[in-house]
Protein backbone atom coordinates (compact mmCIF):
# COMPACT_ATOMS: atom_id res chain seq x y z
CA MET A 1 83.29 107.02 73.95
CA SER A 2 81.12 108.47 76.76
CA ASN A 3 79.59 106.44 79.59
CA PRO A 4 76.08 105.24 78.85
CA GLU A 5 75.63 104.87 82.63
CA VAL A 6 75.09 108.61 82.75
CA GLN A 7 74.28 109.39 79.11
CA PRO A 8 70.94 108.22 77.82
CA ALA A 9 70.60 107.34 74.19
CA HIS A 10 68.12 110.29 73.85
CA ALA A 11 69.00 112.85 76.42
CA THR A 12 65.87 114.55 77.75
CA ILE A 13 65.88 118.04 79.29
CA LEU A 14 64.46 117.56 82.84
CA HIS A 15 65.34 120.91 84.39
CA ASP A 16 65.50 124.52 83.30
CA ALA A 17 68.36 125.12 85.70
CA ALA A 18 70.62 122.83 87.71
CA LEU A 19 73.53 123.38 90.17
CA VAL A 20 76.63 121.02 90.24
CA TRP A 21 78.21 120.76 93.72
CA PHE A 22 81.91 119.98 93.46
CA ARG A 23 83.63 118.31 96.39
CA ARG A 24 86.41 115.72 96.03
CA ASP A 25 86.20 115.79 92.23
CA LEU A 26 88.13 119.01 91.33
CA ARG A 27 88.27 118.63 87.49
CA ALA A 28 86.07 119.66 84.57
CA TYR A 29 86.46 116.50 82.46
CA ASP A 30 85.22 112.92 82.89
CA HIS A 31 82.95 114.16 85.70
CA ALA A 32 79.72 112.17 86.34
CA ALA A 33 77.71 114.90 88.01
CA LEU A 34 78.71 117.64 85.61
CA SER A 35 78.03 115.40 82.61
CA ARG A 36 74.62 114.38 83.74
CA ALA A 37 73.63 117.93 84.66
CA LEU A 38 74.75 119.20 81.24
CA GLN A 39 72.72 116.47 79.52
CA ARG A 40 69.53 117.16 81.50
CA SER A 41 69.44 120.97 82.06
CA ARG A 42 69.22 124.03 79.92
CA THR A 43 71.42 126.08 82.39
CA VAL A 44 74.08 124.65 84.67
CA TYR A 45 75.59 126.58 87.57
CA CYS A 46 78.65 125.20 89.50
CA VAL A 47 79.64 125.61 93.17
CA PHE A 48 82.40 124.63 95.58
CA VAL A 49 82.20 125.23 99.29
CA PHE A 50 85.22 125.61 101.64
CA ASP A 51 83.24 123.73 104.31
CA THR A 52 83.82 125.21 107.77
CA GLU A 53 82.54 122.00 109.31
CA ILE A 54 85.70 120.35 107.86
CA LEU A 55 88.08 123.24 108.15
CA ASP A 56 87.24 124.06 111.75
CA GLU A 57 88.37 120.57 112.73
CA LEU A 58 91.84 121.02 111.34
CA VAL A 59 94.51 121.67 114.11
CA ASP A 60 97.24 123.02 111.86
CA ARG A 61 96.58 126.40 110.32
CA ARG A 62 99.35 125.55 107.76
CA ASP A 63 97.62 122.44 106.48
CA ARG A 64 98.93 121.46 103.09
CA ARG A 65 95.66 119.93 102.07
CA VAL A 66 93.82 123.28 102.38
CA GLU A 67 96.41 124.98 100.14
CA PHE A 68 96.30 122.07 97.68
CA VAL A 69 92.55 122.33 97.38
CA TRP A 70 92.76 126.21 97.18
CA HIS A 71 95.06 126.06 94.17
CA SER A 72 93.00 123.25 92.56
CA VAL A 73 89.77 125.09 93.04
CA ARG A 74 91.33 128.19 91.49
CA GLU A 75 92.36 126.20 88.41
CA LEU A 76 88.95 124.60 88.16
CA SER A 77 87.29 128.04 88.32
CA GLU A 78 89.62 129.19 85.49
CA THR A 79 88.88 126.08 83.50
CA LEU A 80 85.11 126.55 83.76
CA ARG A 81 85.44 130.17 82.78
CA GLY A 82 87.32 129.00 79.69
CA LEU A 83 84.43 126.72 78.82
CA GLY A 84 81.96 129.60 79.19
CA GLY A 85 80.86 128.83 82.76
CA ALA A 86 81.68 130.00 86.24
CA LEU A 87 82.30 128.57 89.69
CA TRP A 88 80.61 129.92 92.78
CA ILE A 89 83.18 129.62 95.55
CA LEU A 90 81.73 129.84 99.03
CA HIS A 91 83.09 129.67 102.57
CA GLY A 92 80.73 128.36 105.23
CA ARG A 93 78.78 125.30 106.17
CA ALA A 94 78.15 123.40 103.02
CA ARG A 95 74.84 121.97 104.40
CA ASP A 96 73.66 125.62 104.67
CA GLU A 97 75.32 127.22 101.69
CA VAL A 98 74.25 124.74 99.00
CA PRO A 99 70.51 124.76 99.68
CA ALA A 100 70.59 128.53 99.93
CA LEU A 101 72.42 128.99 96.65
CA ALA A 102 70.16 126.57 94.98
CA GLN A 103 67.11 128.55 96.06
CA ARG A 104 68.77 131.88 95.14
CA LEU A 105 69.60 130.61 91.59
CA GLN A 106 66.15 129.00 91.32
CA VAL A 107 67.47 125.68 90.11
CA ARG A 108 65.34 122.60 89.99
CA ALA A 109 68.14 120.11 90.80
CA VAL A 110 71.43 119.81 92.62
CA TYR A 111 73.85 117.32 91.14
CA THR A 112 76.87 115.96 92.93
CA ASN A 113 79.16 112.93 93.07
CA ARG A 114 78.62 110.45 95.81
CA ASP A 115 80.77 110.35 98.94
CA TYR A 116 80.96 107.30 101.20
CA GLU A 117 82.28 108.57 104.52
CA PRO A 118 79.80 108.51 107.38
CA ALA A 119 80.05 112.29 108.03
CA ALA A 120 79.70 113.04 104.33
CA LEU A 121 76.66 110.77 104.08
CA GLU A 122 74.99 112.46 107.03
CA ARG A 123 75.70 115.92 105.55
CA ASP A 124 74.30 114.85 102.17
CA HIS A 125 71.11 113.43 103.75
CA ASP A 126 70.64 116.74 105.46
CA VAL A 127 71.15 118.75 102.26
CA GLU A 128 68.73 116.42 100.41
CA ARG A 129 66.02 116.95 103.07
CA GLN A 130 66.43 120.69 102.76
CA LEU A 131 66.29 120.66 99.02
CA LEU A 132 63.21 118.45 98.94
CA ASP A 133 61.44 120.89 101.22
CA ARG A 134 62.14 123.50 98.54
CA ARG A 135 61.01 121.06 95.82
CA ILE A 136 64.52 120.80 94.46
CA ASP A 137 65.85 117.37 93.33
CA PHE A 138 69.07 116.03 94.79
CA VAL A 139 70.90 113.76 92.29
CA SER A 140 74.02 111.83 93.51
CA CYS A 141 76.28 110.16 90.89
CA LYS A 142 78.84 107.46 91.05
CA ASP A 143 82.18 108.96 90.16
CA GLN A 144 85.08 108.25 92.58
CA VAL A 145 84.88 104.51 92.21
CA ILE A 146 84.42 102.03 89.35
CA PHE A 147 81.95 100.02 91.37
CA ASP A 148 79.67 101.40 94.08
CA CYS A 149 79.84 99.76 97.42
CA SER A 150 77.10 97.19 96.82
CA GLU A 151 77.86 96.39 93.19
CA VAL A 152 80.53 93.83 93.93
CA LEU A 153 79.12 91.22 96.36
CA THR A 154 79.60 87.53 97.12
CA GLN A 155 77.37 84.91 95.58
CA GLU A 156 75.25 85.19 98.77
CA GLN A 157 74.84 88.90 98.04
CA ARG A 158 76.95 89.90 100.96
CA PRO A 159 79.90 92.32 101.28
CA PHE A 160 83.42 90.72 100.89
CA SER A 161 85.75 90.73 103.82
CA VAL A 162 88.76 89.24 102.12
CA PHE A 163 90.54 91.09 99.39
CA THR A 164 91.59 88.40 96.90
CA PRO A 165 88.09 87.09 96.17
CA TYR A 166 86.81 90.70 96.01
CA LYS A 167 89.47 91.47 93.48
CA ARG A 168 88.59 88.37 91.41
CA ALA A 169 84.89 89.37 91.39
CA TRP A 170 85.73 93.03 90.71
CA LEU A 171 87.84 92.06 87.64
CA ALA A 172 85.21 89.53 86.39
CA GLN A 173 82.59 92.19 86.45
CA LEU A 174 84.64 94.94 84.78
CA ARG A 175 83.54 95.88 81.25
CA PRO A 176 84.67 98.75 78.89
CA VAL A 177 81.49 100.67 79.86
CA HIS A 178 82.64 100.93 83.45
CA VAL A 179 85.78 102.89 82.55
CA ALA A 180 84.42 104.94 79.70
CA PRO A 181 84.63 108.68 80.43
CA HIS A 182 81.66 110.78 81.41
CA ALA A 183 81.47 113.29 78.53
CA VAL A 184 81.73 116.93 79.27
CA GLU A 185 83.25 118.29 76.12
CA GLY A 186 80.67 119.10 73.55
CA GLN A 187 77.95 119.86 76.10
CA VAL A 188 79.38 122.99 77.72
CA ALA A 189 76.89 125.31 76.00
CA ALA A 190 74.62 124.94 79.04
CA LEU A 191 77.18 126.25 81.44
CA ALA A 192 76.13 129.51 82.96
CA GLY A 193 78.71 132.33 82.80
CA CYS A 194 77.83 134.61 85.57
CA GLU A 195 79.43 136.93 88.07
CA THR A 196 80.50 134.95 91.18
CA PRO A 197 82.19 135.78 94.49
CA ALA A 198 85.96 136.02 94.40
CA LEU A 199 88.05 133.15 95.61
CA PRO A 200 88.71 133.77 99.39
CA SER A 201 92.27 133.89 100.23
CA LEU A 202 93.80 131.36 102.63
CA GLN A 203 94.26 134.07 105.18
CA GLU A 204 90.61 135.04 104.94
CA MET A 205 89.74 131.48 105.81
CA GLY A 206 92.15 131.38 108.70
CA PHE A 207 94.97 129.43 107.05
CA GLU A 208 98.50 130.20 105.99
CA ARG A 209 100.67 129.19 103.04
CA THR A 210 102.69 125.94 103.39
CA ASN A 211 105.79 124.52 101.88
CA LEU A 212 103.89 123.08 98.80
CA THR A 213 106.11 125.14 96.51
CA GLU A 214 109.29 123.84 98.10
CA LEU A 215 108.02 120.32 97.81
CA ASN A 216 107.23 120.79 94.11
CA LEU A 217 103.82 119.22 94.73
CA PRO A 218 101.73 120.05 91.59
CA THR A 219 98.13 120.98 92.03
CA GLY A 220 94.99 120.86 89.93
CA SER A 221 94.29 118.72 86.89
CA SER A 222 97.23 120.17 85.06
CA GLY A 223 99.64 119.17 87.84
CA ALA A 224 98.00 115.75 87.97
CA ARG A 225 98.47 115.27 84.24
CA GLY A 226 102.13 115.93 84.44
CA TRP A 227 102.63 113.35 87.30
CA LEU A 228 100.55 110.75 85.44
CA ASP A 229 102.52 111.13 82.27
CA ASP A 230 105.74 110.73 84.35
CA PHE A 231 104.42 107.60 86.00
CA MET A 232 103.23 106.03 82.78
CA SER A 233 106.84 106.39 81.42
CA ARG A 234 108.09 104.05 84.29
CA ILE A 235 105.01 101.89 85.18
CA ASP A 236 106.61 98.87 83.62
CA ARG A 237 108.99 98.66 86.67
CA TYR A 238 106.42 99.58 89.23
CA HIS A 239 106.22 96.16 90.78
CA GLU A 240 110.01 95.99 91.16
CA ARG A 241 110.57 99.49 92.62
CA ARG A 242 107.49 100.35 94.57
CA ASP A 243 108.75 99.02 97.93
CA TYR A 244 111.99 100.92 97.98
CA PRO A 245 111.50 104.40 99.46
CA ALA A 246 114.78 105.77 98.03
CA LEU A 247 113.71 104.97 94.45
CA ARG A 248 111.17 106.76 92.25
CA GLY A 249 108.88 103.71 92.26
CA PRO A 250 105.37 104.79 93.38
CA SER A 251 102.88 106.78 91.28
CA TYR A 252 102.64 109.68 93.72
CA LEU A 253 99.08 110.22 92.40
CA SER A 254 97.25 109.38 95.65
CA VAL A 255 96.64 113.11 96.63
CA HIS A 256 95.22 113.78 93.09
CA LEU A 257 92.99 110.70 93.31
CA ARG A 258 91.91 111.89 96.79
CA PHE A 259 90.76 115.26 95.66
CA GLY A 260 89.61 114.16 92.19
CA THR A 261 91.97 116.17 90.05
CA LEU A 262 92.33 112.88 88.14
CA SER A 263 89.52 110.47 87.17
CA ILE A 264 89.61 106.89 88.53
CA ARG A 265 88.36 105.65 85.19
CA GLU A 266 91.31 107.17 83.43
CA LEU A 267 93.72 105.56 85.85
CA VAL A 268 92.13 102.12 85.50
CA ARG A 269 92.29 102.45 81.69
CA ALA A 270 95.92 103.35 82.00
CA ALA A 271 96.81 100.45 84.25
CA ARG A 272 95.05 98.03 81.91
CA ALA A 273 96.75 99.49 78.93
CA ALA A 274 100.09 99.01 80.49
CA ARG A 275 99.41 95.16 80.44
CA GLY A 276 102.70 94.08 82.04
CA GLU A 277 103.27 93.14 85.71
CA GLY A 278 103.77 96.76 86.65
CA GLY A 279 100.36 97.72 85.38
CA GLN A 280 98.70 94.78 86.95
CA THR A 281 100.29 95.50 90.33
CA TRP A 282 99.14 99.14 90.18
CA LEU A 283 95.61 98.08 89.19
CA SER A 284 95.55 95.84 92.36
CA GLU A 285 96.38 98.88 94.44
CA LEU A 286 93.45 100.77 92.87
CA ILE A 287 91.18 97.85 93.62
CA TRP A 288 92.36 97.86 97.23
CA ARG A 289 91.17 101.46 97.40
CA GLU A 290 87.68 100.39 96.39
CA PHE A 291 87.75 97.41 98.73
CA TYR A 292 88.39 99.83 101.67
CA PHE A 293 85.54 102.11 100.50
CA MET A 294 83.28 99.06 100.46
CA ILE A 295 84.34 98.00 103.97
CA LEU A 296 83.78 101.54 105.39
CA TYR A 297 80.41 101.83 103.78
CA HIS A 298 79.05 98.45 104.99
CA HIS A 299 80.85 98.55 108.30
CA PRO A 300 80.94 102.20 109.49
CA GLN A 301 81.79 100.96 113.00
CA VAL A 302 85.43 100.51 111.90
CA VAL A 303 85.91 104.25 112.30
CA LYS A 304 86.02 103.68 116.03
CA HIS A 305 86.27 99.95 116.45
CA ALA A 306 88.28 96.98 115.22
CA PHE A 307 86.70 95.19 112.33
CA GLN A 308 87.44 91.98 114.17
CA ALA A 309 85.63 92.87 117.35
CA VAL A 310 87.59 90.46 119.52
CA PHE A 311 90.63 92.77 119.13
CA ASP A 312 88.80 95.68 120.70
CA ASN A 313 89.86 93.80 123.81
CA VAL A 314 93.61 94.28 123.36
CA ARG A 315 94.88 96.00 126.40
CA PHE A 316 97.36 98.59 124.82
CA GLU A 317 99.77 100.15 127.25
CA ASN A 318 99.46 103.51 125.50
CA ARG A 319 102.50 105.23 127.01
CA PRO A 320 102.23 108.93 125.99
CA ASP A 321 106.04 109.29 126.06
CA PHE A 322 106.43 106.29 123.55
CA PHE A 323 103.74 107.85 121.31
CA GLN A 324 105.44 111.25 121.41
CA SER A 325 108.79 109.77 120.52
CA TRP A 326 107.16 108.02 117.54
CA CYS A 327 105.48 111.23 116.38
CA GLU A 328 108.74 113.24 116.69
CA ALA A 329 110.92 110.66 115.03
CA ARG A 330 112.86 109.77 118.24
CA THR A 331 112.47 105.97 118.39
CA GLY A 332 116.14 105.24 117.73
CA TYR A 333 115.19 103.00 114.72
CA PRO A 334 116.48 104.88 111.76
CA LEU A 335 113.93 103.63 109.13
CA VAL A 336 111.00 104.44 111.43
CA ASP A 337 112.42 107.87 112.27
CA ALA A 338 113.21 108.73 108.63
CA ALA A 339 109.64 107.76 107.72
CA MET A 340 108.25 109.94 110.45
CA ARG A 341 110.39 112.88 109.36
CA GLN A 342 109.12 112.41 105.87
CA ILE A 343 105.48 112.69 106.89
CA ASN A 344 106.11 115.57 109.21
CA GLN A 345 108.15 117.52 106.65
CA THR A 346 106.17 116.70 103.47
CA GLY A 347 102.81 115.28 104.28
CA TYR A 348 103.64 112.18 102.37
CA MET A 349 104.86 108.77 103.51
CA HIS A 350 105.92 105.84 101.31
CA ASN A 351 103.46 103.01 101.39
CA ARG A 352 105.94 100.40 102.60
CA LEU A 353 106.88 102.73 105.40
CA ARG A 354 103.24 103.31 106.37
CA MET A 355 103.15 99.60 107.16
CA VAL A 356 106.39 99.63 108.94
CA THR A 357 105.76 102.65 111.10
CA ALA A 358 102.24 101.45 112.01
CA SER A 359 103.37 97.99 112.94
CA PHE A 360 106.12 99.58 115.06
CA LEU A 361 103.76 101.77 116.96
CA VAL A 362 101.25 99.05 117.68
CA LYS A 363 103.36 96.02 118.17
CA ASP A 364 106.73 97.44 119.36
CA LEU A 365 105.39 100.42 121.38
CA HIS A 366 102.03 98.90 122.21
CA VAL A 367 100.13 102.01 121.41
CA ASP A 368 96.51 101.71 120.24
CA TRP A 369 96.26 101.80 116.46
CA ARG A 370 93.66 104.54 116.60
CA TRP A 371 96.21 106.97 118.09
CA GLY A 372 98.39 106.46 114.99
CA GLU A 373 95.48 106.55 112.62
CA ARG A 374 94.46 109.94 114.01
CA TYR A 375 98.10 111.28 113.66
CA PHE A 376 98.21 110.19 109.99
CA ALA A 377 94.82 111.79 109.44
CA ARG A 378 96.28 115.04 110.60
CA LYS A 379 99.47 114.83 108.59
CA LEU A 380 98.82 113.05 105.26
CA ASN A 381 98.23 115.13 102.19
CA ASP A 382 96.38 112.15 100.66
CA TYR A 383 94.35 111.40 103.81
CA ASP A 384 91.37 109.30 102.99
CA LEU A 385 89.26 107.84 105.88
CA ALA A 386 88.61 104.51 104.21
CA ALA A 387 92.25 103.84 103.09
CA ASN A 388 93.81 105.23 106.23
CA ASN A 389 91.56 103.15 108.53
CA GLY A 390 91.98 100.06 106.39
CA GLY A 391 95.74 100.38 106.32
CA TRP A 392 96.02 100.85 110.10
CA GLN A 393 93.69 98.00 110.87
CA TRP A 394 95.63 95.84 108.46
CA ALA A 395 98.96 96.58 110.22
CA ALA A 396 97.47 96.26 113.65
CA SER A 397 95.94 92.82 112.71
CA THR A 398 92.48 94.14 113.74
CA GLY A 399 90.92 94.61 110.30
CA CYS A 400 89.45 92.60 107.52
CA ASP A 401 91.95 90.40 105.62
CA ALA A 402 94.63 91.82 107.91
CA GLN A 403 98.07 90.30 108.57
CA PRO A 404 97.96 87.75 111.39
CA TYR A 405 98.74 89.32 114.73
CA PHE A 406 101.73 86.98 115.17
CA ARG A 407 103.31 88.53 112.07
CA VAL A 408 105.29 91.58 113.14
CA PHE A 409 107.42 93.72 110.96
CA ASN A 410 111.00 93.73 112.16
CA PRO A 411 112.25 97.31 111.72
CA LEU A 412 115.74 96.22 111.20
CA THR A 413 115.20 93.59 108.57
CA GLN A 414 112.75 95.86 106.80
CA SER A 415 115.41 98.53 106.80
CA GLN A 416 118.11 96.23 105.54
CA LYS A 417 115.88 94.86 102.78
CA PHE A 418 114.17 98.03 101.49
CA ASP A 419 116.84 100.71 102.13
CA PRO A 420 119.99 98.63 101.97
CA ASP A 421 122.48 101.34 101.46
CA GLY A 422 120.60 103.79 103.79
CA ARG A 423 119.91 106.39 101.05
CA PHE A 424 116.42 107.07 102.37
CA ILE A 425 117.60 107.09 105.91
CA ARG A 426 120.30 109.63 105.29
CA LEU A 427 117.92 111.86 103.21
CA TYR A 428 115.73 112.41 106.23
CA LEU A 429 118.26 111.81 109.05
CA PRO A 430 121.29 113.88 107.91
CA GLU A 431 122.76 113.45 111.38
CA LEU A 432 123.51 109.87 110.34
CA GLU A 433 125.05 110.88 107.05
CA ARG A 434 128.62 109.79 108.05
CA VAL A 435 127.53 106.47 109.59
CA ALA A 436 128.84 103.48 107.60
CA ASP A 437 126.43 101.32 105.69
CA ARG A 438 126.99 98.39 108.11
CA PHE A 439 125.73 100.43 111.05
CA ILE A 440 123.16 102.61 109.32
CA HIS A 441 120.24 100.42 110.30
CA ALA A 442 121.31 99.97 113.83
CA PRO A 443 123.67 102.81 114.79
CA TRP A 444 123.61 101.83 118.48
CA THR A 445 125.81 98.87 117.56
CA MET A 446 128.75 101.15 116.76
CA SER A 447 131.60 101.04 119.16
CA ALA A 448 132.28 104.20 121.22
CA GLU A 449 135.34 104.87 119.07
CA GLU A 450 133.33 104.62 115.89
CA GLN A 451 130.69 106.94 117.26
CA VAL A 452 133.33 109.58 118.00
CA ARG A 453 134.92 109.03 114.63
CA VAL A 454 131.66 109.70 112.70
CA GLY A 455 130.39 112.37 115.13
CA VAL A 456 127.27 110.50 116.14
CA ILE A 457 127.19 109.84 119.90
CA ILE A 458 124.17 107.60 120.57
CA GLY A 459 122.00 109.27 123.27
CA ARG A 460 123.27 112.68 122.31
CA ASP A 461 123.22 113.14 118.55
CA TYR A 462 120.71 110.32 117.90
CA PRO A 463 118.76 108.29 120.35
CA GLY A 464 119.31 104.75 121.21
CA PRO A 465 116.45 102.23 120.51
CA ILE A 466 113.41 103.06 122.57
CA VAL A 467 112.57 99.34 122.93
CA ASP A 468 114.11 95.97 122.35
CA HIS A 469 112.29 94.59 119.29
CA ALA A 470 112.47 90.89 120.32
CA HIS A 471 111.15 91.68 123.81
CA ALA A 472 108.48 93.99 122.46
CA ARG A 473 107.29 91.50 119.98
CA LYS A 474 106.92 88.86 122.63
CA ARG A 475 104.87 91.19 124.76
CA ALA A 476 102.65 92.10 121.78
CA MET A 477 102.01 88.39 121.23
CA GLU A 478 100.89 88.02 124.81
CA MET A 479 98.50 91.01 124.54
CA TYR A 480 96.89 89.75 121.40
CA THR A 481 96.70 86.15 122.56
CA ALA A 482 94.90 87.26 125.75
CA ALA A 483 92.48 89.38 123.74
CA SER A 484 91.67 86.47 121.38
CA LYS A 485 90.90 84.30 124.32
CA GLY A 486 88.70 86.94 125.83
CA ASN A 487 91.05 87.52 128.82
């Protein structure tokens, strides 16, 4: 079944030639813009731009995301070739390259899938203006979400600010048509097979290869398919295992969803087909993703400000040495440090640990949540502005439907509960490998004799705790209470 939202009952050719602009949708199946262009055009060209406006902002020249995208674009190009088409792969400012290519190819329309981030919206408005000046249509399609940002509203036709009623409304509105695939197969005759520029190397774009191969992080739709199949074989226990970082519980599909090597419609269908509690829990996580898209779209000020404006008044202490210790996994709290080693070494962090480390930075070290958000934006393979901002504001108690500010994750109890035997800790902190289970969560409680026996001298081989949690929590409560009172 194809999606009637983008496939009219009697498809009409509207354009002799069209251009499909790929962005965060690196697949050649169930693709809204590609499907619509194929239905409405006699000839369809395809393009992807390594956008220097994005790339030039990246600090690390060994950014895993760039290499992930590079491999995924290469696979997409090969797939389109196999379907009789081709992919123009350009390197430059997308807002310049796309209109120029559209004019060069003499297309009458540019099709693309909608993006919701403020910078992307501004870029797209600029591209649309340039295209209209050339009398070329700009057609944006809904693809990376089930419901666009104004499709699920309250009875008063306002955006939701609390997740649970949003989820209820989202589920109540869901119909089979919303998750039906956007057909590409059977329409590929319109794809234009032409000579295109070669894929630029990472080095030509100013980047280097990373440790993706060591991490066994699969790329492209083929890699995504293997991981989805693996997750579906264990989804029934997702709700039981997802909070334990030493277990293979999460889907690990977030990076593929971020860059569109998988279709959100396919994932929602899979979650619903699973039926059990595991599938329902995973579906809730997919709905959280759309909730944060909706929040960012309707409240773009959250990029720089607290959703709850009163908490812009929190007077964070912002000690640079504390922030650096957090970044470098030197806080003395093993679960926090292991999580920071994980993100630094792999570009991934377990979702439970994202909450723990964020809470620790804000409410134990009293560092502004925006500092941590920016650090995660640099490091995460699956970085997505809406989700990253929403998650940090949730942990910092500044966002919509956030945990109350008086709820503070205790790094010790979180460690004891979710990594009880220290397997995850020892994986990323091998210096603590010989520490007994009863001390692994708080190694500073070992006696001097025990430290010598296991070869871990606190302060030399592993740091002591950077703060006392109880005292730090009390201070955080004072800071938030003062802000809430306008002091």
